[in-house]
Amino acid sequence: MLSGFNLDPGRTVKADPLSGYLVAAGGVGALALVASAIASRSGAVVTVWTQCFMAAIVATGLFGGMAVQQHEDKLNQPAPAFTA
């Protein structure tokens, strides 16, 4: 989170790409789905719902993070200008 933070006004610092963090978040979402499957087999209804809710929150964060990363990539590599 603080990889792009710097107090020096003369220095430009780029933040780390989100790809590694998105992979880790996807792993957490996958573990939530596995936990909900195990809980459903054992009949723990509340745990199933809460783990599915957590997986949905993680999926929302993943899609939002991918959208932010694509936007940042487009800003860093603009399309070439039209030449006649």
PDB file of N, CA and C in Angstrom:
ATOM      1  N   MET A   1       0.818  -1.189   0.000  1.00  0.00           N
ATOM      2  CA  MET A   1       0.000   0.000   0.000  1.00  0.00           C
ATOM      3  C   MET A   1       0.860   1.250   0.000  1.00  0.00           C
ATOM      4  N   LEU A   2       1.970   1.207   0.680  1.00  0.00           N
ATOM      5  CA  LEU A   2       2.822   2.390   0.763  1.00  0.00           C
ATOM      6  C   LEU A   2       3.986   2.348  -0.218  1.00  0.00           C
ATOM      7  N   SER A   3       3.939   1.492  -1.215  1.00  0.00           N
ATOM      8  CA  SER A   3       5.057   1.385  -2.142  1.00  0.00           C
ATOM      9  C   SER A   3       5.197   2.635  -3.001  1.00  0.00           C
ATOM     10  N   GLY A   4       4.127   3.370  -3.238  1.00  0.00           N
ATOM     11  CA  GLY A   4       4.195   4.590  -4.036  1.00  0.00           C
ATOM     12  C   GLY A   4       4.269   5.846  -3.201  1.00  0.00           C
ATOM     13  N   PHE A   5       4.480   5.718  -1.883  1.00  0.00           N
ATOM     14  CA  PHE A   5       4.511   6.857  -0.965  1.00  0.00           C
ATOM     15  C   PHE A   5       5.931   7.346  -0.800  1.00  0.00           C
ATOM     16  N   ASN A   6       6.124   8.670  -0.970  1.00  0.00           N
ATOM     17  CA  ASN A   6       7.438   9.260  -0.791  1.00  0.00           C
ATOM     18  C   ASN A   6       7.247  10.720  -0.410  1.00  0.00           C
ATOM     19  N   LEU A   7       8.015  11.201   0.542  1.00  0.00           N
ATOM     20  CA  LEU A   7       7.902  12.589   0.985  1.00  0.00           C
ATOM     21  C   LEU A   7       8.802  13.538   0.199  1.00  0.00           C
ATOM     22  N   ASP A   8       9.652  13.012  -0.665  1.00  0.00           N
ATOM     23  CA  ASP A   8      10.543  13.849  -1.458  1.00  0.00           C
ATOM     24  C   ASP A   8       9.796  14.371  -2.675  1.00  0.00           C
ATOM     25  N   PRO A   9       9.562  15.713  -2.781  1.00  0.00           N
ATOM     26  CA  PRO A   9       8.801  16.230  -3.926  1.00  0.00           C
ATOM     27  C   PRO A   9       9.574  16.182  -5.242  1.00  0.00           C
ATOM     28  N   GLY A  10      10.880  16.031  -5.196  1.00  0.00           N
ATOM     29  CA  GLY A  10      11.673  15.990  -6.412  1.00  0.00           C
ATOM     30  C   GLY A  10      11.810  14.597  -7.007  1.00  0.00           C
ATOM     31  N   ARG A  11      11.253  13.632  -6.369  1.00  0.00           N
ATOM     32  CA  ARG A  11      11.402  12.245  -6.823  1.00  0.00           C
ATOM     33  C   ARG A  11      10.032  11.654  -7.128  1.00  0.00           C
ATOM     34  N   THR A  12       9.901  11.046  -8.283  1.00  0.00           N
ATOM     35  CA  THR A  12       8.654  10.390  -8.663  1.00  0.00           C
ATOM     36  C   THR A  12       8.779   8.896  -8.384  1.00  0.00           C
ATOM     37  N   VAL A  13       7.829   8.373  -7.644  1.00  0.00           N
ATOM     38  CA  VAL A  13       7.857   6.968  -7.268  1.00  0.00           C
ATOM     39  C   VAL A  13       6.612   6.299  -7.824  1.00  0.00           C
ATOM     40  N   LYS A  14       6.809   5.163  -8.494  1.00  0.00           N
ATOM     41  CA  LYS A  14       5.671   4.392  -9.011  1.00  0.00           C
ATOM     42  C   LYS A  14       5.269   3.342  -7.990  1.00  0.00           C
ATOM     43  N   ALA A  15       3.969   3.137  -7.880  1.00  0.00           N
ATOM     44  CA  ALA A  15       3.457   2.097  -6.983  1.00  0.00           C
ATOM     45  C   ALA A  15       3.658   0.720  -7.618  1.00  0.00           C
ATOM     46  N   ASP A  16       3.670  -0.297  -6.786  1.00  0.00           N
ATOM     47  CA  ASP A  16       3.798  -1.667  -7.275  1.00  0.00           C
ATOM     48  C   ASP A  16       2.565  -2.052  -8.078  1.00  0.00           C
ATOM     49  N   PRO A  17       2.709  -2.917  -9.095  1.00  0.00           N
ATOM     50  CA  PRO A  17       1.524  -3.394  -9.817  1.00  0.00           C
ATOM     51  C   PRO A  17       0.660  -4.269  -8.912  1.00  0.00           C
ATOM     52  N   LEU A  18      -0.620  -4.307  -9.215  1.00  0.00           N
ATOM     53  CA  LEU A  18      -1.567  -5.052  -8.388  1.00  0.00           C
ATOM     54  C   LEU A  18      -1.596  -6.543  -8.668  1.00  0.00           C
ATOM     55  N   SER A  19      -0.917  -7.012  -9.689  1.00  0.00           N
ATOM     56  CA  SER A  19      -1.075  -8.403 -10.124  1.00  0.00           C
ATOM     57  C   SER A  19      -0.744  -9.407  -9.027  1.00  0.00           C
ATOM     58  N   GLY A  20       0.314  -9.218  -8.294  1.00  0.00           N
ATOM     59  CA  GLY A  20       0.666 -10.149  -7.225  1.00  0.00           C
ATOM     60  C   GLY A  20      -0.365 -10.161  -6.108  1.00  0.00           C
ATOM     61  N   TYR A  21      -0.879  -8.991  -5.783  1.00  0.00           N
ATOM     62  CA  TYR A  21      -1.895  -8.891  -4.733  1.00  0.00           C
ATOM     63  C   TYR A  21      -3.207  -9.523  -5.192  1.00  0.00           C
ATOM     64  N   LEU A  22      -3.519  -9.392  -6.468  1.00  0.00           N
ATOM     65  CA  LEU A  22      -4.748  -9.986  -6.990  1.00  0.00           C
ATOM     66  C   LEU A  22      -4.679 -11.508  -6.969  1.00  0.00           C
ATOM     67  N   VAL A  23      -3.514 -12.054  -7.239  1.00  0.00           N
ATOM     68  CA  VAL A  23      -3.341 -13.510  -7.171  1.00  0.00           C
ATOM     69  C   VAL A  23      -3.529 -13.990  -5.737  1.00  0.00           C
ATOM     70  N   ALA A  24      -2.957 -13.264  -4.779  1.00  0.00           N
ATOM     71  CA  ALA A  24      -3.116 -13.638  -3.375  1.00  0.00           C
ATOM     72  C   ALA A  24      -4.579 -13.537  -2.948  1.00  0.00           C
ATOM     73  N   ALA A  25      -5.269 -12.497  -3.380  1.00  0.00           N
ATOM     74  CA  ALA A  25      -6.689 -12.346  -3.042  1.00  0.00           C
ATOM     75  C   ALA A  25      -7.514 -13.466  -3.683  1.00  0.00           C
ATOM     76  N   GLY A  26      -7.162 -13.870  -4.892  1.00  0.00           N
ATOM     77  CA  GLY A  26      -7.849 -14.984  -5.536  1.00  0.00           C
ATOM     78  C   GLY A  26      -7.663 -16.278  -4.757  1.00  0.00           C
ATOM     79  N   GLY A  27      -6.484 -16.470  -4.195  1.00  0.00           N
ATOM     80  CA  GLY A  27      -6.245 -17.644  -3.354  1.00  0.00           C
ATOM     81  C   GLY A  27      -7.113 -17.629  -2.105  1.00  0.00           C
ATOM     82  N   VAL A  28      -7.282 -16.451  -1.510  1.00  0.00           N
ATOM     83  CA  VAL A  28      -8.150 -16.332  -0.336  1.00  0.00           C
ATOM     84  C   VAL A  28      -9.598 -16.631  -0.721  1.00  0.00           C
ATOM     85  N   GLY A  29     -10.036 -16.148  -1.885  1.00  0.00           N
ATOM     86  CA  GLY A  29     -11.387 -16.441  -2.355  1.00  0.00           C
ATOM     87  C   GLY A  29     -11.593 -17.924  -2.614  1.00  0.00           C
ATOM     88  N   ALA A  30     -10.579 -18.565  -3.168  1.00  0.00           N
ATOM     89  CA  ALA A  30     -10.675 -20.008  -3.416  1.00  0.00           C
ATOM     90  C   ALA A  30     -10.759 -20.780  -2.102  1.00  0.00           C
ATOM     91  N   LEU A  31      -9.995 -20.355  -1.105  1.00  0.00           N
ATOM     92  CA  LEU A  31     -10.077 -21.001   0.208  1.00  0.00           C
ATOM     93  C   LEU A  31     -11.455 -20.798   0.839  1.00  0.00           C
ATOM     94  N   ALA A  32     -12.056 -19.633   0.628  1.00  0.00           N
ATOM     95  CA  ALA A  32     -13.409 -19.393   1.145  1.00  0.00           C
ATOM     96  C   ALA A  32     -14.411 -20.330   0.482  1.00  0.00           C
ATOM     97  N   LEU A  33     -14.252 -20.564  -0.816  1.00  0.00           N
ATOM     98  CA  LEU A  33     -15.157 -21.489  -1.504  1.00  0.00           C
ATOM     99  C   LEU A  33     -14.964 -22.929  -1.021  1.00  0.00           C
ATOM    100  N   VAL A  34     -13.723 -23.320  -0.779  1.00  0.00           N
ATOM    101  CA  VAL A  34     -13.456 -24.663  -0.253  1.00  0.00           C
ATOM    102  C   VAL A  34     -14.054 -24.800   1.142  1.00  0.00           C
ATOM    103  N   ALA A  35     -13.914 -23.755   1.960  1.00  0.00           N
ATOM    104  CA  ALA A  35     -14.482 -23.800   3.309  1.00  0.00           C
ATOM    105  C   ALA A  35     -15.996 -23.888   3.259  1.00  0.00           C
ATOM    106  N   SER A  36     -16.619 -23.195   2.308  1.00  0.00           N
ATOM    107  CA  SER A  36     -18.080 -23.278   2.209  1.00  0.00           C
ATOM    108  C   SER A  36     -18.515 -24.670   1.739  1.00  0.00           C
ATOM    109  N   ALA A  37     -17.746 -25.293   0.863  1.00  0.00           N
ATOM    110  CA  ALA A  37     -18.083 -26.648   0.423  1.00  0.00           C
ATOM    111  C   ALA A  37     -17.966 -27.642   1.576  1.00  0.00           C
ATOM    112  N   ILE A  38     -16.910 -27.506   2.369  1.00  0.00           N
ATOM    113  CA  ILE A  38     -16.740 -28.396   3.525  1.00  0.00           C
ATOM    114  C   ILE A  38     -17.848 -28.165   4.541  1.00  0.00           C
ATOM    115  N   ALA A  39     -18.189 -26.901   4.757  1.00  0.00           N
ATOM    116  CA  ALA A  39     -19.250 -26.589   5.721  1.00  0.00           C
ATOM    117  C   ALA A  39     -20.608 -27.084   5.237  1.00  0.00           C
ATOM    118  N   SER A  40     -20.833 -27.060   3.941  1.00  0.00           N
ATOM    119  CA  SER A  40     -22.120 -27.541   3.432  1.00  0.00           C
ATOM    120  C   SER A  40     -22.243 -29.055   3.611  1.00  0.00           C
ATOM    121  N   ARG A  41     -21.134 -29.766   3.480  1.00  0.00           N
ATOM    122  CA  ARG A  41     -21.166 -31.218   3.685  1.00  0.00           C
ATOM    123  C   ARG A  41     -21.425 -31.575   5.145  1.00  0.00           C
ATOM    124  N   SER A  42     -20.984 -30.691   6.051  1.00  0.00           N
ATOM    125  CA  SER A  42     -21.193 -30.981   7.475  1.00  0.00           C
ATOM    126  C   SER A  42     -22.474 -30.356   8.015  1.00  0.00           C
ATOM    127  N   GLY A  43     -23.185 -29.601   7.188  1.00  0.00           N
ATOM    128  CA  GLY A  43     -24.483 -29.054   7.587  1.00  0.00           C
ATOM    129  C   GLY A  43     -24.423 -27.738   8.338  1.00  0.00           C
ATOM    130  N   ALA A  44     -23.320 -27.019   8.287  1.00  0.00           N
ATOM    131  CA  ALA A  44     -23.183 -25.730   8.972  1.00  0.00           C
ATOM    132  C   ALA A  44     -23.672 -24.621   8.039  1.00  0.00           C
ATOM    133  N   VAL A  45     -24.968 -24.332   8.114  1.00  0.00           N
ATOM    134  CA  VAL A  45     -25.596 -23.419   7.161  1.00  0.00           C
ATOM    135  C   VAL A  45     -25.051 -21.992   7.281  1.00  0.00           C
ATOM    136  N   VAL A  46     -24.870 -21.509   8.503  1.00  0.00           N
ATOM    137  CA  VAL A  46     -24.385 -20.139   8.697  1.00  0.00           C
ATOM    138  C   VAL A  46     -22.974 -19.988   8.141  1.00  0.00           C
ATOM    139  N   THR A  47     -22.139 -20.986   8.350  1.00  0.00           N
ATOM    140  CA  THR A  47     -20.774 -20.929   7.822  1.00  0.00           C
ATOM    141  C   THR A  47     -20.780 -20.948   6.299  1.00  0.00           C
ATOM    142  N   VAL A  48     -21.670 -21.719   5.711  1.00  0.00           N
ATOM    143  CA  VAL A  48     -21.774 -21.744   4.247  1.00  0.00           C
ATOM    144  C   VAL A  48     -22.104 -20.360   3.728  1.00  0.00           C
ATOM    145  N   TRP A  49     -23.098 -19.709   4.313  1.00  0.00           N
ATOM    146  CA  TRP A  49     -23.504 -18.384   3.840  1.00  0.00           C
ATOM    147  C   TRP A  49     -22.404 -17.345   4.057  1.00  0.00           C
ATOM    148  N   THR A  50     -21.753 -17.379   5.210  1.00  0.00           N
ATOM    149  CA  THR A  50     -20.714 -16.379   5.460  1.00  0.00           C
ATOM    150  C   THR A  50     -19.503 -16.593   4.556  1.00  0.00           C
ATOM    151  N   GLN A  51     -19.141 -17.839   4.297  1.00  0.00           N
ATOM    152  CA  GLN A  51     -18.006 -18.080   3.408  1.00  0.00           C
ATOM    153  C   GLN A  51     -18.338 -17.716   1.962  1.00  0.00           C
ATOM    154  N   CYS A  52     -19.580 -17.965   1.546  1.00  0.00           N
ATOM    155  CA  CYS A  52     -19.995 -17.531   0.204  1.00  0.00           C
ATOM    156  C   CYS A  52     -20.011 -16.013   0.106  1.00  0.00           C
ATOM    157  N   PHE A  53     -20.425 -15.354   1.183  1.00  0.00           N
ATOM    158  CA  PHE A  53     -20.399 -13.894   1.213  1.00  0.00           C
ATOM    159  C   PHE A  53     -18.966 -13.376   1.104  1.00  0.00           C
ATOM    160  N   MET A  54     -18.038 -14.014   1.829  1.00  0.00           N
ATOM    161  CA  MET A  54     -16.631 -13.616   1.744  1.00  0.00           C
ATOM    162  C   MET A  54     -16.074 -13.843   0.344  1.00  0.00           C
ATOM    163  N   ALA A  55     -16.446 -14.952  -0.280  1.00  0.00           N
ATOM    164  CA  ALA A  55     -15.981 -15.216  -1.646  1.00  0.00           C
ATOM    165  C   ALA A  55     -16.530 -14.162  -2.604  1.00  0.00           C
ATOM    166  N   ALA A  56     -17.768 -13.727  -2.394  1.00  0.00           N
ATOM    167  CA  ALA A  56     -18.347 -12.686  -3.250  1.00  0.00           C
ATOM    168  C   ALA A  56     -17.637 -11.355  -3.051  1.00  0.00           C
ATOM    169  N   ILE A  57     -17.290 -11.031  -1.821  1.00  0.00           N
ATOM    170  CA  ILE A  57     -16.552  -9.788  -1.562  1.00  0.00           C
ATOM    171  C   ILE A  57     -15.171  -9.838  -2.215  1.00  0.00           C
ATOM    172  N   VAL A  58     -14.504 -10.974  -2.096  1.00  0.00           N
ATOM    173  CA  VAL A  58     -13.176 -11.128  -2.711  1.00  0.00           C
ATOM    174  C   VAL A  58     -13.284 -11.029  -4.236  1.00  0.00           C
ATOM    175  N   ALA A  59     -14.316 -11.639  -4.822  1.00  0.00           N
ATOM    176  CA  ALA A  59     -14.495 -11.569  -6.277  1.00  0.00           C
ATOM    177  C   ALA A  59     -14.742 -10.130  -6.727  1.00  0.00           C
ATOM    178  N   THR A  60     -15.521  -9.386  -5.955  1.00  0.00           N
ATOM    179  CA  THR A  60     -15.752  -7.970  -6.275  1.00  0.00           C
ATOM    180  C   THR A  60     -14.442  -7.199  -6.229  1.00  0.00           C
ATOM    181  N   GLY A  61     -13.641  -7.460  -5.211  1.00  0.00           N
ATOM    182  CA  GLY A  61     -12.332  -6.809  -5.113  1.00  0.00           C
ATOM    183  C   GLY A  61     -11.403  -7.193  -6.253  1.00  0.00           C
ATOM    184  N   LEU A  62     -11.454  -8.452  -6.670  1.00  0.00           N
ATOM    185  CA  LEU A  62     -10.626  -8.891  -7.794  1.00  0.00           C
ATOM    186  C   LEU A  62     -10.995  -8.178  -9.085  1.00  0.00           C
ATOM    187  N   PHE A  63     -12.302  -8.138  -9.378  1.00  0.00           N
ATOM    188  CA  PHE A  63     -12.722  -7.481 -10.614  1.00  0.00           C
ATOM    189  C   PHE A  63     -12.440  -5.983 -10.567  1.00  0.00           C
ATOM    190  N   GLY A  64     -12.629  -5.371  -9.413  1.00  0.00           N
ATOM    191  CA  GLY A  64     -12.299  -3.951  -9.278  1.00  0.00           C
ATOM    192  C   GLY A  64     -10.805  -3.710  -9.425  1.00  0.00           C
ATOM    193  N   GLY A  65      -9.996  -4.575  -8.824  1.00  0.00           N
ATOM    194  CA  GLY A  65      -8.543  -4.440  -8.936  1.00  0.00           C
ATOM    195  C   GLY A  65      -8.050  -4.630 -10.357  1.00  0.00           C
ATOM    196  N   MET A  66      -8.658  -5.581 -11.071  1.00  0.00           N
ATOM    197  CA  MET A  66      -8.269  -5.779 -12.473  1.00  0.00           C
ATOM    198  C   MET A  66      -8.633  -4.558 -13.312  1.00  0.00           C
ATOM    199  N   ALA A  67      -9.784  -3.956 -13.033  1.00  0.00           N
ATOM    200  CA  ALA A  67     -10.192  -2.766 -13.777  1.00  0.00           C
ATOM    201  C   ALA A  67      -9.243  -1.602 -13.498  1.00  0.00           C
ATOM    202  N   VAL A  68      -8.848  -1.435 -12.241  1.00  0.00           N
ATOM    203  CA  VAL A  68      -7.914  -0.363 -11.886  1.00  0.00           C
ATOM    204  C   VAL A  68      -6.569  -0.603 -12.552  1.00  0.00           C
ATOM    205  N   GLN A  69      -6.085  -1.844 -12.555  1.00  0.00           N
ATOM    206  CA  GLN A  69      -4.794  -2.138 -13.168  1.00  0.00           C
ATOM    207  C   GLN A  69      -4.825  -1.901 -14.671  1.00  0.00           C
ATOM    208  N   GLN A  70      -5.918  -2.276 -15.341  1.00  0.00           N
ATOM    209  CA  GLN A  70      -6.030  -2.013 -16.778  1.00  0.00           C
ATOM    210  C   GLN A  70      -6.049  -0.519 -17.053  1.00  0.00           C
ATOM    211  N   HIS A  71      -6.713   0.246 -16.208  1.00  0.00           N
ATOM    212  CA  HIS A  71      -6.757   1.697 -16.378  1.00  0.00           C
ATOM    213  C   HIS A  71      -5.366   2.295 -16.209  1.00  0.00           C
ATOM    214  N   GLU A  72      -4.632   1.831 -15.195  1.00  0.00           N
ATOM    215  CA  GLU A  72      -3.273   2.321 -14.980  1.00  0.00           C
ATOM    216  C   GLU A  72      -2.356   1.944 -16.139  1.00  0.00           C
ATOM    217  N   ASP A  73      -2.520   0.744 -16.682  1.00  0.00           N
ATOM    218  CA  ASP A  73      -1.697   0.322 -17.807  1.00  0.00           C
ATOM    219  C   ASP A  73      -1.967   1.172 -19.037  1.00  0.00           C
ATOM    220  N   LYS A  74      -3.234   1.538 -19.258  1.00  0.00           N
ATOM    221  CA  LYS A  74      -3.557   2.386 -20.408  1.00  0.00           C
ATOM    222  C   LYS A  74      -2.987   3.784 -20.245  1.00  0.00           C
ATOM    223  N   LEU A  75      -2.936   4.296 -19.005  1.00  0.00           N
ATOM    224  CA  LEU A  75      -2.361   5.618 -18.772  1.00  0.00           C
ATOM    225  C   LEU A  75      -0.861   5.624 -19.003  1.00  0.00           C
ATOM    226  N   ASN A  76      -0.191   4.523 -18.659  1.00  0.00           N
ATOM    227  CA  ASN A  76       1.251   4.439 -18.802  1.00  0.00           C
ATOM    228  C   ASN A  76       1.682   4.144 -20.231  1.00  0.00           C
ATOM    229  N   GLN A  77       0.814   3.547 -21.056  1.00  0.00           N
ATOM    230  CA  GLN A  77       1.150   3.233 -22.430  1.00  0.00           C
ATOM    231  C   GLN A  77       0.029   3.757 -23.351  1.00  0.00           C
ATOM    232  N   PRO A  78       0.050   5.053 -23.629  1.00  0.00           N
ATOM    233  CA  PRO A  78      -1.033   5.602 -24.469  1.00  0.00           C
ATOM    234  C   PRO A  78      -0.955   5.067 -25.900  1.00  0.00           C
ATOM    235  N   ALA A  79      -2.094   5.083 -26.558  1.00  0.00           N
ATOM    236  CA  ALA A  79      -2.170   4.617 -27.956  1.00  0.00           C
ATOM    237  C   ALA A  79      -1.417   5.602 -28.859  1.00  0.00           C
ATOM    238  N   PRO A  80      -0.833   5.106 -29.938  1.00  0.00           N
ATOM    239  CA  PRO A  80      -0.132   6.018 -30.839  1.00  0.00           C
ATOM    240  C   PRO A  80      -1.106   6.978 -31.521  1.00  0.00           C
ATOM    241  N   ALA A  81      -0.603   8.161 -31.844  1.00  0.00           N
ATOM    242  CA  ALA A  81      -1.432   9.174 -32.489  1.00  0.00           C
ATOM    243  C   ALA A  81      -1.662   8.835 -33.960  1.00  0.00           C
ATOM    244  N   PHE A  82      -2.751   9.303 -34.511  1.00  0.00           N
ATOM    245  CA  PHE A  82      -3.095   9.064 -35.913  1.00  0.00           C
ATOM    246  C   PHE A  82      -2.169   9.897 -36.796  1.00  0.00           C
ATOM    247  N   THR A  83      -1.618   9.273 -37.810  1.00  0.00           N
ATOM    248  CA  THR A  83      -0.768   9.992 -38.751  1.00  0.00           C
ATOM    249  C   THR A  83      -1.394   9.895 -40.143  1.00  0.00           C
ATOM    250  N   ALA A  84      -1.415  11.000 -40.825  1.00  0.00           N
ATOM    251  CA  ALA A  84      -2.038  11.029 -42.137  1.00  0.00           C
ATOM    252  C   ALA A  84      -1.049  10.839 -43.252  1.00  0.00           C
TER     253      ALA A  84
END
